[in-house]
mmCIF file of all heavy atoms, coordinates in Angstrom:
data_MODEL
# 
_entry.id   MODEL 
# 
loop_
_atom_site.group_PDB 
_atom_site.id 
_atom_site.type_symbol 
_atom_site.label_atom_id 
_atom_site.label_alt_id 
_atom_site.label_comp_id 
_atom_site.label_asym_id 
_atom_site.label_entity_id 
_atom_site.label_seq_id 
_atom_site.pdbx_PDB_ins_code 
_atom_site.Cartn_x 
_atom_site.Cartn_y 
_atom_site.Cartn_z 
_atom_site.occupancy 
_atom_site.B_iso_or_equiv 
_atom_site.pdbx_formal_charge 
_atom_site.auth_seq_id 
_atom_site.auth_comp_id 
_atom_site.auth_asym_id 
_atom_site.auth_atom_id 
_atom_site.pdbx_PDB_model_num 
ATOM 1   N N   . GLU A 1 1  ? 0.834   -1.208 0.000  1.00 0.00 ? 1  GLU A N   1 
ATOM 2   C CA  . GLU A 1 1  ? 0.000   0.000  0.000  1.00 0.00 ? 1  GLU A CA  1 
ATOM 3   C C   . GLU A 1 1  ? 0.868   1.256  0.000  1.00 0.00 ? 1  GLU A C   1 
ATOM 4   O O   . GLU A 1 1  ? 0.606   2.225  -0.729 1.00 0.00 ? 1  GLU A O   1 
ATOM 5   C CB  . GLU A 1 1  ? -0.922  0.008  1.217  1.00 0.00 ? 1  GLU A CB  1 
ATOM 6   C CG  . GLU A 1 1  ? -2.027  -1.032 1.197  1.00 0.00 ? 1  GLU A CG  1 
ATOM 7   C CD  . GLU A 1 1  ? -1.543  -2.443 1.518  1.00 0.00 ? 1  GLU A CD  1 
ATOM 8   O OE1 . GLU A 1 1  ? -0.441  -2.601 2.098  1.00 0.00 ? 1  GLU A OE1 1 
ATOM 9   O OE2 . GLU A 1 1  ? -2.265  -3.397 1.190  1.00 0.00 ? 1  GLU A OE2 1 
ATOM 10  N N   . ALA A 1 2  ? 1.911   1.234  0.824  1.00 0.00 ? 2  ALA A N   1 
ATOM 11  C CA  . ALA A 1 2  ? 2.798   2.397  0.928  1.00 0.00 ? 2  ALA A CA  1 
ATOM 12  C C   . ALA A 1 2  ? 3.523   2.663  -0.392 1.00 0.00 ? 2  ALA A C   1 
ATOM 13  O O   . ALA A 1 2  ? 3.687   3.809  -0.807 1.00 0.00 ? 2  ALA A O   1 
ATOM 14  C CB  . ALA A 1 2  ? 3.802   2.186  2.069  1.00 0.00 ? 2  ALA A CB  1 
ATOM 15  N N   . THR A 1 3  ? 3.947   1.589  -1.047 1.00 0.00 ? 3  THR A N   1 
ATOM 16  C CA  . THR A 1 3  ? 4.652   1.736  -2.328 1.00 0.00 ? 3  THR A CA  1 
ATOM 17  C C   . THR A 1 3  ? 3.717   2.277  -3.407 1.00 0.00 ? 3  THR A C   1 
ATOM 18  O O   . THR A 1 3  ? 4.100   3.148  -4.205 1.00 0.00 ? 3  THR A O   1 
ATOM 19  C CB  . THR A 1 3  ? 5.260   0.382  -2.762 1.00 0.00 ? 3  THR A CB  1 
ATOM 20  O OG1 . THR A 1 3  ? 6.220   -0.011 -1.770 1.00 0.00 ? 3  THR A OG1 1 
ATOM 21  C CG2 . THR A 1 3  ? 5.945   0.488  -4.116 1.00 0.00 ? 3  THR A CG2 1 
ATOM 22  N N   . VAL A 1 4  ? 2.476   1.774  -3.447 1.00 0.00 ? 4  VAL A N   1 
ATOM 23  C CA  . VAL A 1 4  ? 1.494   2.283  -4.409 1.00 0.00 ? 4  VAL A CA  1 
ATOM 24  C C   . VAL A 1 4  ? 1.340   3.795  -4.240 1.00 0.00 ? 4  VAL A C   1 
ATOM 25  O O   . VAL A 1 4  ? 1.362   4.560  -5.213 1.00 0.00 ? 4  VAL A O   1 
ATOM 26  C CB  . VAL A 1 4  ? 0.128   1.581  -4.247 1.00 0.00 ? 4  VAL A CB  1 
ATOM 27  C CG1 . VAL A 1 4  ? -0.956  2.309  -5.034 1.00 0.00 ? 4  VAL A CG1 1 
ATOM 28  C CG2 . VAL A 1 4  ? 0.218   0.126  -4.701 1.00 0.00 ? 4  VAL A CG2 1 
ATOM 29  N N   . LEU A 1 5  ? 1.230   4.243  -2.984 1.00 0.00 ? 5  LEU A N   1 
ATOM 30  C CA  . LEU A 1 5  ? 1.037   5.674  -2.746 1.00 0.00 ? 5  LEU A CA  1 
ATOM 31  C C   . LEU A 1 5  ? 2.272   6.472  -3.141 1.00 0.00 ? 5  LEU A C   1 
ATOM 32  O O   . LEU A 1 5  ? 2.166   7.506  -3.815 1.00 0.00 ? 5  LEU A O   1 
ATOM 33  C CB  . LEU A 1 5  ? 0.688   5.934  -1.274 1.00 0.00 ? 5  LEU A CB  1 
ATOM 34  C CG  . LEU A 1 5  ? 0.491   7.419  -0.952 1.00 0.00 ? 5  LEU A CG  1 
ATOM 35  C CD1 . LEU A 1 5  ? -0.643  8.019  -1.769 1.00 0.00 ? 5  LEU A CD1 1 
ATOM 36  C CD2 . LEU A 1 5  ? 0.243   7.622  0.529  1.00 0.00 ? 5  LEU A CD2 1 
ATOM 37  N N   . CYS A 1 6  ? 3.462   6.021  -2.739 1.00 0.00 ? 6  CYS A N   1 
ATOM 38  C CA  . CYS A 1 6  ? 4.689   6.744  -3.092 1.00 0.00 ? 6  CYS A CA  1 
ATOM 39  C C   . CYS A 1 6  ? 4.799   6.916  -4.599 1.00 0.00 ? 6  CYS A C   1 
ATOM 40  O O   . CYS A 1 6  ? 5.125   8.000  -5.097 1.00 0.00 ? 6  CYS A O   1 
ATOM 41  C CB  . CYS A 1 6  ? 5.913   6.019  -2.554 1.00 0.00 ? 6  CYS A CB  1 
ATOM 42  S SG  . CYS A 1 6  ? 6.139   6.129  -0.757 1.00 0.00 ? 6  CYS A SG  1 
ATOM 43  N N   . ARG A 1 7  ? 4.500   5.857  -5.342 1.00 0.00 ? 7  ARG A N   1 
ATOM 44  C CA  . ARG A 1 7  ? 4.610   5.929  -6.811 1.00 0.00 ? 7  ARG A CA  1 
ATOM 45  C C   . ARG A 1 7  ? 3.555   6.855  -7.388 1.00 0.00 ? 7  ARG A C   1 
ATOM 46  O O   . ARG A 1 7  ? 3.837   7.607  -8.333 1.00 0.00 ? 7  ARG A O   1 
ATOM 47  C CB  . ARG A 1 7  ? 4.504   4.524  -7.404 1.00 0.00 ? 7  ARG A CB  1 
ATOM 48  C CG  . ARG A 1 7  ? 5.732   3.678  -7.085 1.00 0.00 ? 7  ARG A CG  1 
ATOM 49  C CD  . ARG A 1 7  ? 5.645   2.290  -7.694 1.00 0.00 ? 7  ARG A CD  1 
ATOM 50  N NE  . ARG A 1 7  ? 6.840   1.511  -7.349 1.00 0.00 ? 7  ARG A NE  1 
ATOM 51  C CZ  . ARG A 1 7  ? 7.021   0.236  -7.710 1.00 0.00 ? 7  ARG A CZ  1 
ATOM 52  N NH1 . ARG A 1 7  ? 6.093   -0.399 -8.419 1.00 0.00 ? 7  ARG A NH1 1 
ATOM 53  N NH2 . ARG A 1 7  ? 8.118   -0.397 -7.365 1.00 0.00 ? 7  ARG A NH2 1 
ATOM 54  N N   . THR A 1 8  ? 2.333   6.812  -6.846 1.00 0.00 ? 8  THR A N   1 
ATOM 55  C CA  . THR A 1 8  ? 1.268   7.703  -7.313 1.00 0.00 ? 8  THR A CA  1 
ATOM 56  C C   . THR A 1 8  ? 1.673   9.163  -7.149 1.00 0.00 ? 8  THR A C   1 
ATOM 57  O O   . THR A 1 8  ? 1.368   10.013 -7.987 1.00 0.00 ? 8  THR A O   1 
ATOM 58  C CB  . THR A 1 8  ? -0.041  7.448  -6.524 1.00 0.00 ? 8  THR A CB  1 
ATOM 59  O OG1 . THR A 1 8  ? -0.433  6.089  -6.686 1.00 0.00 ? 8  THR A OG1 1 
ATOM 60  C CG2 . THR A 1 8  ? -1.170  8.339  -7.023 1.00 0.00 ? 8  THR A CG2 1 
ATOM 61  N N   . LEU A 1 9  ? 2.357   9.460  -6.045 1.00 0.00 ? 9  LEU A N   1 
ATOM 62  C CA  . LEU A 1 9  ? 2.760   10.837 -5.754 1.00 0.00 ? 9  LEU A CA  1 
ATOM 63  C C   . LEU A 1 9  ? 4.058   11.225 -6.471 1.00 0.00 ? 9  LEU A C   1 
ATOM 64  O O   . LEU A 1 9  ? 4.548   12.345 -6.301 1.00 0.00 ? 9  LEU A O   1 
ATOM 65  C CB  . LEU A 1 9  ? 2.937   11.015 -4.237 1.00 0.00 ? 9  LEU A CB  1 
ATOM 66  C CG  . LEU A 1 9  ? 1.678   10.870 -3.389 1.00 0.00 ? 9  LEU A CG  1 
ATOM 67  C CD1 . LEU A 1 9  ? 2.024   10.942 -1.900 1.00 0.00 ? 9  LEU A CD1 1 
ATOM 68  C CD2 . LEU A 1 9  ? 0.631   11.919 -3.743 1.00 0.00 ? 9  LEU A CD2 1 
ATOM 69  N N   . GLY A 1 10 ? 4.627   10.304 -7.249 1.00 0.00 ? 10 GLY A N   1 
ATOM 70  C CA  . GLY A 1 10 ? 5.885   10.580 -7.931 1.00 0.00 ? 10 GLY A CA  1 
ATOM 71  C C   . GLY A 1 10 ? 7.061   10.637 -6.983 1.00 0.00 ? 10 GLY A C   1 
ATOM 72  O O   . GLY A 1 10 ? 8.034   11.355 -7.209 1.00 0.00 ? 10 GLY A O   1 
ATOM 73  N N   . CYS A 1 11 ? 6.980   9.866  -5.889 1.00 0.00 ? 11 CYS A N   1 
ATOM 74  C CA  . CYS A 1 11 ? 7.987   9.924  -4.819 1.00 0.00 ? 11 CYS A CA  1 
ATOM 75  C C   . CYS A 1 11 ? 8.822   8.655  -4.719 1.00 0.00 ? 11 CYS A C   1 
ATOM 76  O O   . CYS A 1 11 ? 9.447   8.402  -3.686 1.00 0.00 ? 11 CYS A O   1 
ATOM 77  C CB  . CYS A 1 11 ? 7.299   10.177 -3.479 1.00 0.00 ? 11 CYS A CB  1 
ATOM 78  S SG  . CYS A 1 11 ? 6.556   11.810 -3.313 1.00 0.00 ? 11 CYS A SG  1 
ATOM 79  N N   . GLY A 1 12 ? 8.822   7.820  -5.751 1.00 0.00 ? 12 GLY A N   1 
ATOM 80  C CA  . GLY A 1 12 ? 9.640   6.617  -5.708 1.00 0.00 ? 12 GLY A CA  1 
ATOM 81  C C   . GLY A 1 12 ? 8.976   5.490  -4.933 1.00 0.00 ? 12 GLY A C   1 
ATOM 82  O O   . GLY A 1 12 ? 7.781   5.243  -5.096 1.00 0.00 ? 12 GLY A O   1 
ATOM 83  N N   . ASP A 1 13 ? 9.750   4.805  -4.094 1.00 0.00 ? 13 ASP A N   1 
ATOM 84  C CA  . ASP A 1 13 ? 9.244   3.672  -3.321 1.00 0.00 ? 13 ASP A CA  1 
ATOM 85  C C   . ASP A 1 13 ? 9.216   3.999  -1.831 1.00 0.00 ? 13 ASP A C   1 
ATOM 86  O O   . ASP A 1 13 ? 9.791   4.994  -1.388 1.00 0.00 ? 13 ASP A O   1 
ATOM 87  C CB  . ASP A 1 13 ? 10.102  2.425  -3.571 1.00 0.00 ? 13 ASP A CB  1 
ATOM 88  C CG  . ASP A 1 13 ? 9.911   1.881  -4.982 1.00 0.00 ? 13 ASP A CG  1 
ATOM 89  O OD1 . ASP A 1 13 ? 8.772   1.961  -5.496 1.00 0.00 ? 13 ASP A OD1 1 
ATOM 90  O OD2 . ASP A 1 13 ? 10.887  1.396  -5.569 1.00 0.00 ? 13 ASP A OD2 1 
ATOM 91  N N   . ALA A 1 14 ? 8.557   3.126  -1.065 1.00 0.00 ? 14 ALA A N   1 
ATOM 92  C CA  . ALA A 1 14 ? 8.400   3.359  0.371  1.00 0.00 ? 14 ALA A CA  1 
ATOM 93  C C   . ALA A 1 14 ? 9.639   2.915  1.139  1.00 0.00 ? 14 ALA A C   1 
ATOM 94  O O   . ALA A 1 14 ? 10.137  1.804  0.946  1.00 0.00 ? 14 ALA A O   1 
ATOM 95  C CB  . ALA A 1 14 ? 7.172   2.612  0.884  1.00 0.00 ? 14 ALA A CB  1 
ATOM 96  N N   . LEU A 1 15 ? 10.132  3.789  2.004  1.00 0.00 ? 15 LEU A N   1 
ATOM 97  C CA  . LEU A 1 15 ? 11.265  3.459  2.877  1.00 0.00 ? 15 LEU A CA  1 
ATOM 98  C C   . LEU A 1 15 ? 10.794  3.019  4.260  1.00 0.00 ? 15 LEU A C   1 
ATOM 99  O O   . LEU A 1 15 ? 11.238  2.015  4.789  1.00 0.00 ? 15 LEU A O   1 
ATOM 100 C CB  . LEU A 1 15 ? 12.178  4.677  3.058  1.00 0.00 ? 15 LEU A CB  1 
ATOM 101 C CG  . LEU A 1 15 ? 13.185  5.025  1.973  1.00 0.00 ? 15 LEU A CG  1 
ATOM 102 C CD1 . LEU A 1 15 ? 13.947  6.277  2.392  1.00 0.00 ? 15 LEU A CD1 1 
ATOM 103 C CD2 . LEU A 1 15 ? 14.150  3.866  1.760  1.00 0.00 ? 15 LEU A CD2 1 
ATOM 104 N N   . GLN A 1 16 ? 9.923   3.828  4.848  1.00 0.00 ? 16 GLN A N   1 
ATOM 105 C CA  . GLN A 1 16 ? 9.442   3.558  6.205  1.00 0.00 ? 16 GLN A CA  1 
ATOM 106 C C   . GLN A 1 16 ? 7.954   3.826  6.284  1.00 0.00 ? 16 GLN A C   1 
ATOM 107 O O   . GLN A 1 16 ? 7.400   4.547  5.450  1.00 0.00 ? 16 GLN A O   1 
ATOM 108 C CB  . GLN A 1 16 ? 10.152  4.477  7.216  1.00 0.00 ? 16 GLN A CB  1 
ATOM 109 C CG  . GLN A 1 16 ? 11.608  4.168  7.432  1.00 0.00 ? 16 GLN A CG  1 
ATOM 110 C CD  . GLN A 1 16 ? 12.219  5.256  8.311  1.00 0.00 ? 16 GLN A CD  1 
ATOM 111 O OE1 . GLN A 1 16 ? 12.700  6.262  7.820  1.00 0.00 ? 16 GLN A OE1 1 
ATOM 112 N NE2 . GLN A 1 16 ? 12.183  5.061  9.608  1.00 0.00 ? 16 GLN A NE2 1 
ATOM 113 N N   . ARG A 1 17 ? 7.322   3.249  7.327  1.00 0.00 ? 17 ARG A N   1 
ATOM 114 C CA  . ARG A 1 17 ? 5.892   3.462  7.529  1.00 0.00 ? 17 ARG A CA  1 
ATOM 115 C C   . ARG A 1 17 ? 5.638   3.887  8.979  1.00 0.00 ? 17 ARG A C   1 
ATOM 116 O O   . ARG A 1 17 ? 5.194   3.080  9.795  1.00 0.00 ? 17 ARG A O   1 
ATOM 117 C CB  . ARG A 1 17 ? 5.122   2.178  7.188  1.00 0.00 ? 17 ARG A CB  1 
ATOM 118 C CG  . ARG A 1 17 ? 5.085   1.891  5.699  1.00 0.00 ? 17 ARG A CG  1 
ATOM 119 C CD  . ARG A 1 17 ? 4.485   0.545  5.365  1.00 0.00 ? 17 ARG A CD  1 
ATOM 120 N NE  . ARG A 1 17 ? 5.414   -0.542 5.676  1.00 0.00 ? 17 ARG A NE  1 
ATOM 121 C CZ  . ARG A 1 17 ? 5.099   -1.616 6.390  1.00 0.00 ? 17 ARG A CZ  1 
ATOM 122 N NH1 . ARG A 1 17 ? 3.898   -1.768 6.886  1.00 0.00 ? 17 ARG A NH1 1 
ATOM 123 N NH2 . ARG A 1 17 ? 5.995   -2.550 6.608  1.00 0.00 ? 17 ARG A NH2 1 
ATOM 124 N N   . PRO A 1 18 ? 5.929   5.146  9.308  1.00 0.00 ? 18 PRO A N   1 
ATOM 125 C CA  . PRO A 1 18 ? 5.680   5.614  10.676 1.00 0.00 ? 18 PRO A CA  1 
ATOM 126 C C   . PRO A 1 18 ? 4.189   5.712  10.978 1.00 0.00 ? 18 PRO A C   1 
ATOM 127 O O   . PRO A 1 18 ? 3.369   5.748  10.064 1.00 0.00 ? 18 PRO A O   1 
ATOM 128 C CB  . PRO A 1 18 ? 6.325   7.007  10.692 1.00 0.00 ? 18 PRO A CB  1 
ATOM 129 C CG  . PRO A 1 18 ? 6.292   7.450  9.266  1.00 0.00 ? 18 PRO A CG  1 
ATOM 130 C CD  . PRO A 1 18 ? 6.443   6.206  8.436  1.00 0.00 ? 18 PRO A CD  1 
ATOM 131 N N   . SER A 1 19 ? 3.860   5.726  12.258 1.00 0.00 ? 19 SER A N   1 
ATOM 132 C CA  . SER A 1 19 ? 2.454   5.853  12.676 1.00 0.00 ? 19 SER A CA  1 
ATOM 133 C C   . SER A 1 19 ? 2.214   7.200  13.340 1.00 0.00 ? 19 SER A C   1 
ATOM 134 O O   . SER A 1 19 ? 3.114   7.776  13.946 1.00 0.00 ? 19 SER A O   1 
ATOM 135 C CB  . SER A 1 19 ? 2.092   4.743  13.653 1.00 0.00 ? 19 SER A CB  1 
ATOM 136 O OG  . SER A 1 19 ? 2.219   3.490  13.018 1.00 0.00 ? 19 SER A OG  1 
ATOM 137 N N   . PHE A 1 20 ? 0.989   7.686  13.222 1.00 0.00 ? 20 PHE A N   1 
ATOM 138 C CA  . PHE A 1 20 ? 0.598   8.979  13.777 1.00 0.00 ? 20 PHE A CA  1 
ATOM 139 C C   . PHE A 1 20 ? -0.752  8.828  14.469 1.00 0.00 ? 20 PHE A C   1 
ATOM 140 O O   . PHE A 1 20 ? -1.444  7.824  14.287 1.00 0.00 ? 20 PHE A O   1 
ATOM 141 C CB  . PHE A 1 20 ? 0.459   10.029 12.669 1.00 0.00 ? 20 PHE A CB  1 
ATOM 142 C CG  . PHE A 1 20 ? 1.733   10.294 11.908 1.00 0.00 ? 20 PHE A CG  1 
ATOM 143 C CD1 . PHE A 1 20 ? 2.065   9.533  10.792 1.00 0.00 ? 20 PHE A CD1 1 
ATOM 144 C CD2 . PHE A 1 20 ? 2.599   11.301 12.307 1.00 0.00 ? 20 PHE A CD2 1 
ATOM 145 C CE1 . PHE A 1 20 ? 3.239   9.776  10.079 1.00 0.00 ? 20 PHE A CE1 1 
ATOM 146 C CE2 . PHE A 1 20 ? 3.772   11.552 11.609 1.00 0.00 ? 20 PHE A CE2 1 
ATOM 147 C CZ  . PHE A 1 20 ? 4.093   10.788 10.501 1.00 0.00 ? 20 PHE A CZ  1 
ATOM 148 N N   . GLY A 1 21 ? -1.137  9.843  15.219 1.00 0.00 ? 21 GLY A N   1 
ATOM 149 C CA  . GLY A 1 21 ? -2.491  9.875  15.757 1.00 0.00 ? 21 GLY A CA  1 
ATOM 150 C C   . GLY A 1 21 ? -3.472  10.298 14.671 1.00 0.00 ? 21 GLY A C   1 
ATOM 151 O O   . GLY A 1 21 ? -3.096  10.999 13.734 1.00 0.00 ? 21 GLY A O   1 
ATOM 152 N N   . HIS A 1 22 ? -4.727  9.849  14.774 1.00 0.00 ? 22 HIS A N   1 
ATOM 153 C CA  . HIS A 1 22 ? -5.755  10.293 13.828 1.00 0.00 ? 22 HIS A CA  1 
ATOM 154 C C   . HIS A 1 22 ? -6.138  11.733 14.148 1.00 0.00 ? 22 HIS A C   1 
ATOM 155 O O   . HIS A 1 22 ? -6.451  12.055 15.285 1.00 0.00 ? 22 HIS A O   1 
ATOM 156 C CB  . HIS A 1 22 ? -6.999  9.403  13.939 1.00 0.00 ? 22 HIS A CB  1 
ATOM 157 C CG  . HIS A 1 22 ? -6.807  8.040  13.360 1.00 0.00 ? 22 HIS A CG  1 
ATOM 158 N ND1 . HIS A 1 22 ? -6.723  7.809  12.005 1.00 0.00 ? 22 HIS A ND1 1 
ATOM 159 C CD2 . HIS A 1 22 ? -6.672  6.825  13.958 1.00 0.00 ? 22 HIS A CD2 1 
ATOM 160 C CE1 . HIS A 1 22 ? -6.553  6.512  11.790 1.00 0.00 ? 22 HIS A CE1 1 
ATOM 161 N NE2 . HIS A 1 22 ? -6.521  5.892  12.952 1.00 0.00 ? 22 HIS A NE2 1 
ATOM 162 N N   . THR A 1 23 ? -6.120  12.604 13.138 1.00 0.00 ? 23 THR A N   1 
ATOM 163 C CA  . THR A 1 23 ? -6.400  14.024 13.377 1.00 0.00 ? 23 THR A CA  1 
ATOM 164 C C   . THR A 1 23 ? -7.565  14.534 12.550 1.00 0.00 ? 23 THR A C   1 
ATOM 165 O O   . THR A 1 23 ? -7.955  15.678 12.683 1.00 0.00 ? 23 THR A O   1 
ATOM 166 C CB  . THR A 1 23 ? -5.166  14.863 13.006 1.00 0.00 ? 23 THR A CB  1 
ATOM 167 O OG1 . THR A 1 23 ? -4.786  14.512 11.667 1.00 0.00 ? 23 THR A OG1 1 
ATOM 168 C CG2 . THR A 1 23 ? -4.010  14.592 13.952 1.00 0.00 ? 23 THR A CG2 1 
ATOM 169 N N   . LEU A 1 24 ? -8.113  13.688 11.665 1.00 0.00 ? 24 LEU A N   1 
ATOM 170 C CA  . LEU A 1 24 ? -9.194  14.136 10.786 1.00 0.00 ? 24 LEU A CA  1 
ATOM 171 C C   . LEU A 1 24 ? -10.437 13.295 11.040 1.00 0.00 ? 24 LEU A C   1 
ATOM 172 O O   . LEU A 1 24 ? -10.342 12.155 11.485 1.00 0.00 ? 24 LEU A O   1 
ATOM 173 C CB  . LEU A 1 24 ? -8.763  14.012 9.319  1.00 0.00 ? 24 LEU A CB  1 
ATOM 174 C CG  . LEU A 1 24 ? -7.565  14.890 8.920  1.00 0.00 ? 24 LEU A CG  1 
ATOM 175 C CD1 . LEU A 1 24 ? -7.045  14.510 7.552  1.00 0.00 ? 24 LEU A CD1 1 
ATOM 176 C CD2 . LEU A 1 24 ? -7.954  16.354 8.946  1.00 0.00 ? 24 LEU A CD2 1 
# 
């Protein structure tokens, strides 16, 4: 999933998958 998104954004491949709190 992370790689699909990175490529869609033109950002290459996924290196890391940090976690955050939900804010929206």
